Amino acid sequence: MTDKIYEYESVTKVSGEVKDDSFNPIIYKSKTKSSKQDRYENIIFDENGTISNIEISKELSSDQINLQNTLIKDYQFFTDPISQLVQYFIFQTDSKRLIIDGINIYELSSNKKNTEYLKSNNPSIHKGNAEVIDIVFPFFKGLYKENKKNNLKVITVYSFEKEKIKIPARFIINSKKFKANLYLKEYEILQ
């Protein structure tokens, strides 16, 4: 994946289970390599969404570790960002848990918009009607930094249905610092 600011590569693996129309993660592993940094986050979740283990590549001071532990204890029940997106695309619902990505905790909320037609000259592989939702962030806290600001304003997702699954064809990410357009180039549904 490349954006207009800098090149980066991100690989994320999530394992979990579907229960009561909810995708609940058990293991979240993310590794990001960019021109600015290499980092990883590994999070192990208990069945109810509490965190049993969290590892990040960033070296933390004792104050940062205390802040992390306090926030995790105060907010208790979590999911990860990929599991929340799966939740949107399979069940069209928000998770009942806050999201943790290793460096931040936040809440996502989705607002449905009108369906739009994606023309054949758009860079994604999908041509045709796409459901559009805006994802906003009503709650955001940094795990290691007091009063950390969220630079993301809104993420607009264009998705289409295939075999009863909503597949994202396009993302528009609007940040205070940049605007990025991401397009689906290929996908495979495994049974």
Protein backbone atom coordinates (compact mmCIF):
# COMPACT_ATOMS: atom_id res chain seq x y z
CA MET A 1 0.00 0.00 0.00
CA THR A 2 1.38 3.41 -0.86
CA ASP A 3 -0.02 6.84 -0.08
CA LYS A 4 1.10 10.30 -1.13
CA ILE A 5 3.01 10.95 2.12
CA TYR A 6 5.37 7.97 2.38
CA GLU A 7 5.59 4.34 1.40
CA TYR A 8 4.57 1.73 3.92
CA GLU A 9 3.67 -1.91 4.16
CA SER A 10 1.33 -3.29 6.77
CA VAL A 11 0.56 -6.92 7.50
CA THR A 12 -2.13 -7.78 10.03
CA LYS A 13 -3.38 -11.18 11.17
CA VAL A 14 -6.50 -11.60 13.28
CA SER A 15 -7.88 -14.85 14.70
CA GLY A 16 -11.22 -14.98 16.44
CA GLU A 17 -14.69 -16.42 16.57
CA VAL A 18 -18.17 -15.43 15.47
CA LYS A 19 -20.67 -15.47 18.33
CA ASP A 20 -24.10 -13.84 18.62
CA ASP A 21 -23.70 -11.81 15.38
CA SER A 22 -20.36 -10.46 16.52
CA PHE A 23 -16.79 -11.14 15.40
CA ASN A 24 -14.72 -11.44 18.58
CA PRO A 25 -10.92 -11.43 18.24
CA ILE A 26 -8.63 -13.75 20.18
CA ILE A 27 -5.28 -12.78 18.61
CA TYR A 28 -4.35 -9.53 16.85
CA LYS A 29 -0.87 -9.22 15.30
CA SER A 30 0.14 -6.22 13.23
CA LYS A 31 3.49 -5.31 11.70
CA THR A 32 4.10 -2.04 9.86
CA LYS A 33 7.22 -1.10 7.92
CA SER A 34 7.64 2.41 6.54
CA SER A 35 10.31 4.87 5.57
CA LYS A 36 9.95 6.37 9.05
CA GLN A 37 9.73 3.32 11.32
CA ASP A 38 9.20 -0.42 11.77
CA ARG A 39 6.79 -1.45 14.48
CA TYR A 40 4.62 -4.31 15.69
CA GLU A 41 1.67 -4.80 18.03
CA ASN A 42 0.55 -8.17 19.41
CA ILE A 43 -2.60 -8.39 21.51
CA ILE A 44 -4.19 -11.47 23.07
CA PHE A 45 -7.86 -11.17 24.08
CA ASP A 46 -9.81 -13.27 26.55
CA GLU A 47 -13.22 -14.64 25.50
CA ASN A 48 -15.09 -11.64 26.98
CA GLY A 49 -12.83 -9.00 25.33
CA THR A 50 -10.44 -8.24 28.17
CA ILE A 51 -6.75 -8.12 27.28
CA SER A 52 -4.61 -10.93 28.68
CA ASN A 53 -1.38 -9.80 26.98
CA ILE A 54 -0.17 -6.82 24.96
CA GLU A 55 3.26 -6.39 23.35
CA ILE A 56 4.41 -3.48 21.23
CA SER A 57 7.78 -2.72 19.70
CA LYS A 58 7.91 0.79 21.15
CA GLU A 59 10.05 1.15 24.28
CA LEU A 60 7.89 2.52 27.09
CA SER A 61 8.72 4.48 30.21
CA SER A 62 7.20 3.40 33.55
CA ASP A 63 4.74 6.35 33.29
CA GLN A 64 3.61 5.16 29.86
CA ILE A 65 3.18 1.59 31.11
CA ASN A 66 1.13 2.87 34.08
CA LEU A 67 -1.08 4.94 31.73
CA GLN A 68 -1.58 1.92 29.45
CA ASN A 69 -2.51 -0.36 32.35
CA THR A 70 -4.90 2.24 33.84
CA LEU A 71 -6.73 2.80 30.55
CA ILE A 72 -6.99 -0.93 29.83
CA LYS A 73 -8.36 -1.51 33.36
CA ASP A 74 -10.78 1.46 33.16
CA TYR A 75 -12.28 0.56 29.77
CA GLN A 76 -11.92 -3.25 30.11
CA PHE A 77 -13.59 -4.69 26.97
CA PHE A 78 -11.90 -4.36 23.57
CA THR A 79 -11.79 -5.46 19.96
CA ASP A 80 -9.21 -4.62 17.29
CA PRO A 81 -9.64 -2.41 14.18
CA ILE A 82 -9.75 -5.28 11.67
CA SER A 83 -12.36 -7.19 13.70
CA GLN A 84 -14.49 -4.03 13.84
CA LEU A 85 -14.30 -3.64 10.06
CA VAL A 86 -15.28 -7.32 9.67
CA GLN A 87 -18.18 -6.57 12.02
CA TYR A 88 -19.33 -3.76 9.68
CA PHE A 89 -19.03 -5.82 6.52
CA ILE A 90 -20.61 -9.05 7.77
CA PHE A 91 -23.19 -7.86 10.30
CA GLN A 92 -23.51 -4.10 9.50
CA THR A 93 -23.22 -3.23 13.21
CA ASP A 94 -20.81 -1.47 15.53
CA SER A 95 -18.95 -3.57 18.07
CA LYS A 96 -20.10 -3.27 21.67
CA ARG A 97 -16.43 -2.89 22.64
CA LEU A 98 -13.85 -0.13 22.33
CA ILE A 99 -11.11 -0.65 19.74
CA ILE A 100 -7.46 -1.05 20.65
CA ASP A 101 -4.68 -1.04 18.05
CA GLY A 102 -1.65 -1.20 20.33
CA ILE A 103 -1.09 2.56 20.60
CA ASN A 104 -4.63 4.01 20.85
CA ILE A 105 -8.08 3.12 22.09
CA TYR A 106 -11.12 4.53 20.36
CA GLU A 107 -14.71 4.04 19.33
CA LEU A 108 -15.99 3.92 15.77
CA SER A 109 -19.47 4.83 14.70
CA SER A 110 -20.92 4.34 11.23
CA ASN A 111 -23.40 6.54 9.38
CA LYS A 112 -25.06 5.13 6.25
CA LYS A 113 -25.18 7.39 3.21
CA ASN A 114 -26.88 7.06 -0.18
CA THR A 115 -25.78 4.30 -2.53
CA GLU A 116 -23.42 5.48 -5.28
CA TYR A 117 -22.54 4.03 -8.66
CA LEU A 118 -18.83 3.35 -9.20
CA LYS A 119 -17.96 3.80 -12.87
CA SER A 120 -15.67 1.51 -14.79
CA ASN A 121 -12.85 4.06 -14.82
CA ASN A 122 -12.46 4.04 -11.02
CA PRO A 123 -9.23 2.33 -9.92
CA SER A 124 -10.94 -0.46 -7.92
CA ILE A 125 -11.98 -3.77 -9.48
CA HIS A 126 -15.67 -3.10 -8.75
CA LYS A 127 -18.00 -1.40 -11.20
CA GLY A 128 -21.61 -0.82 -10.16
CA ASN A 129 -23.64 0.16 -7.11
CA ALA A 130 -21.78 0.57 -3.84
CA GLU A 131 -23.15 1.14 -0.37
CA VAL A 132 -21.48 4.13 1.27
CA ILE A 133 -20.85 4.61 4.99
CA ASP A 134 -18.93 7.26 6.88
CA ILE A 135 -16.94 6.04 9.86
CA VAL A 136 -16.31 8.64 12.57
CA PHE A 137 -14.51 8.58 15.92
CA PRO A 138 -16.68 9.80 18.83
CA PHE A 139 -14.11 8.66 21.43
CA PHE A 140 -10.29 8.57 21.16
CA LYS A 141 -7.41 8.24 23.67
CA GLY A 142 -3.71 7.53 23.23
CA LEU A 143 -2.50 4.59 25.30
CA TYR A 144 0.91 6.11 26.04
CA LYS A 145 0.43 9.86 25.72
CA GLU A 146 -1.94 12.09 27.70
CA ASN A 147 -4.27 14.26 25.59
CA LYS A 148 -3.19 12.68 22.30
CA LYS A 149 -5.24 14.11 19.41
CA ASN A 150 -6.99 12.05 16.77
CA ASN A 151 -6.05 13.39 13.35
CA LEU A 152 -8.62 11.26 11.51
CA LYS A 153 -11.83 13.13 10.71
CA VAL A 154 -13.81 10.56 8.72
CA ILE A 155 -13.26 7.39 6.70
CA THR A 156 -15.72 6.89 3.85
CA VAL A 157 -16.13 3.26 2.75
CA TYR A 158 -17.70 2.14 -0.55
CA SER A 159 -18.66 -1.55 -0.46
CA PHE A 160 -20.50 -4.09 -2.57
CA GLU A 161 -22.13 -7.40 -1.66
CA LYS A 162 -20.71 -10.71 -2.81
CA GLU A 163 -21.88 -14.04 -1.36
CA LYS A 164 -23.66 -12.21 1.50
CA ILE A 165 -20.46 -10.39 2.50
CA LYS A 166 -19.88 -6.65 2.14
CA ILE A 167 -16.56 -6.16 0.38
CA PRO A 168 -14.91 -2.73 0.50
CA ALA A 169 -14.06 -1.42 -2.98
CA ARG A 170 -12.80 2.00 -1.96
CA PHE A 171 -11.74 3.90 1.18
CA ILE A 172 -11.39 7.67 1.39
CA ILE A 173 -9.45 8.63 4.51
CA ASN A 174 -9.78 12.26 5.56
CA SER A 175 -7.24 13.37 8.13
CA LYS A 176 -6.21 16.76 9.44
CA LYS A 177 -2.81 16.02 7.86
CA PHE A 178 -3.68 14.22 4.60
CA LYS A 179 -6.36 12.71 2.36
CA ALA A 180 -5.83 9.18 1.03
CA ASN A 181 -7.76 7.09 -1.48
CA LEU A 182 -7.37 3.31 -1.21
CA TYR A 183 -8.83 0.95 -3.82
CA LEU A 184 -9.50 -2.79 -3.85
CA LYS A 185 -7.39 -4.41 -6.57
CA GLU A 186 -8.19 -8.07 -5.90
CA TYR A 187 -9.83 -10.33 -3.35
CA GLU A 188 -10.58 -13.98 -2.68
CA ILE A 189 -13.34 -15.46 -0.54
CA LEU A 190 -12.23 -18.66 1.19
CA GLN A 191 -14.81 -21.07 2.54
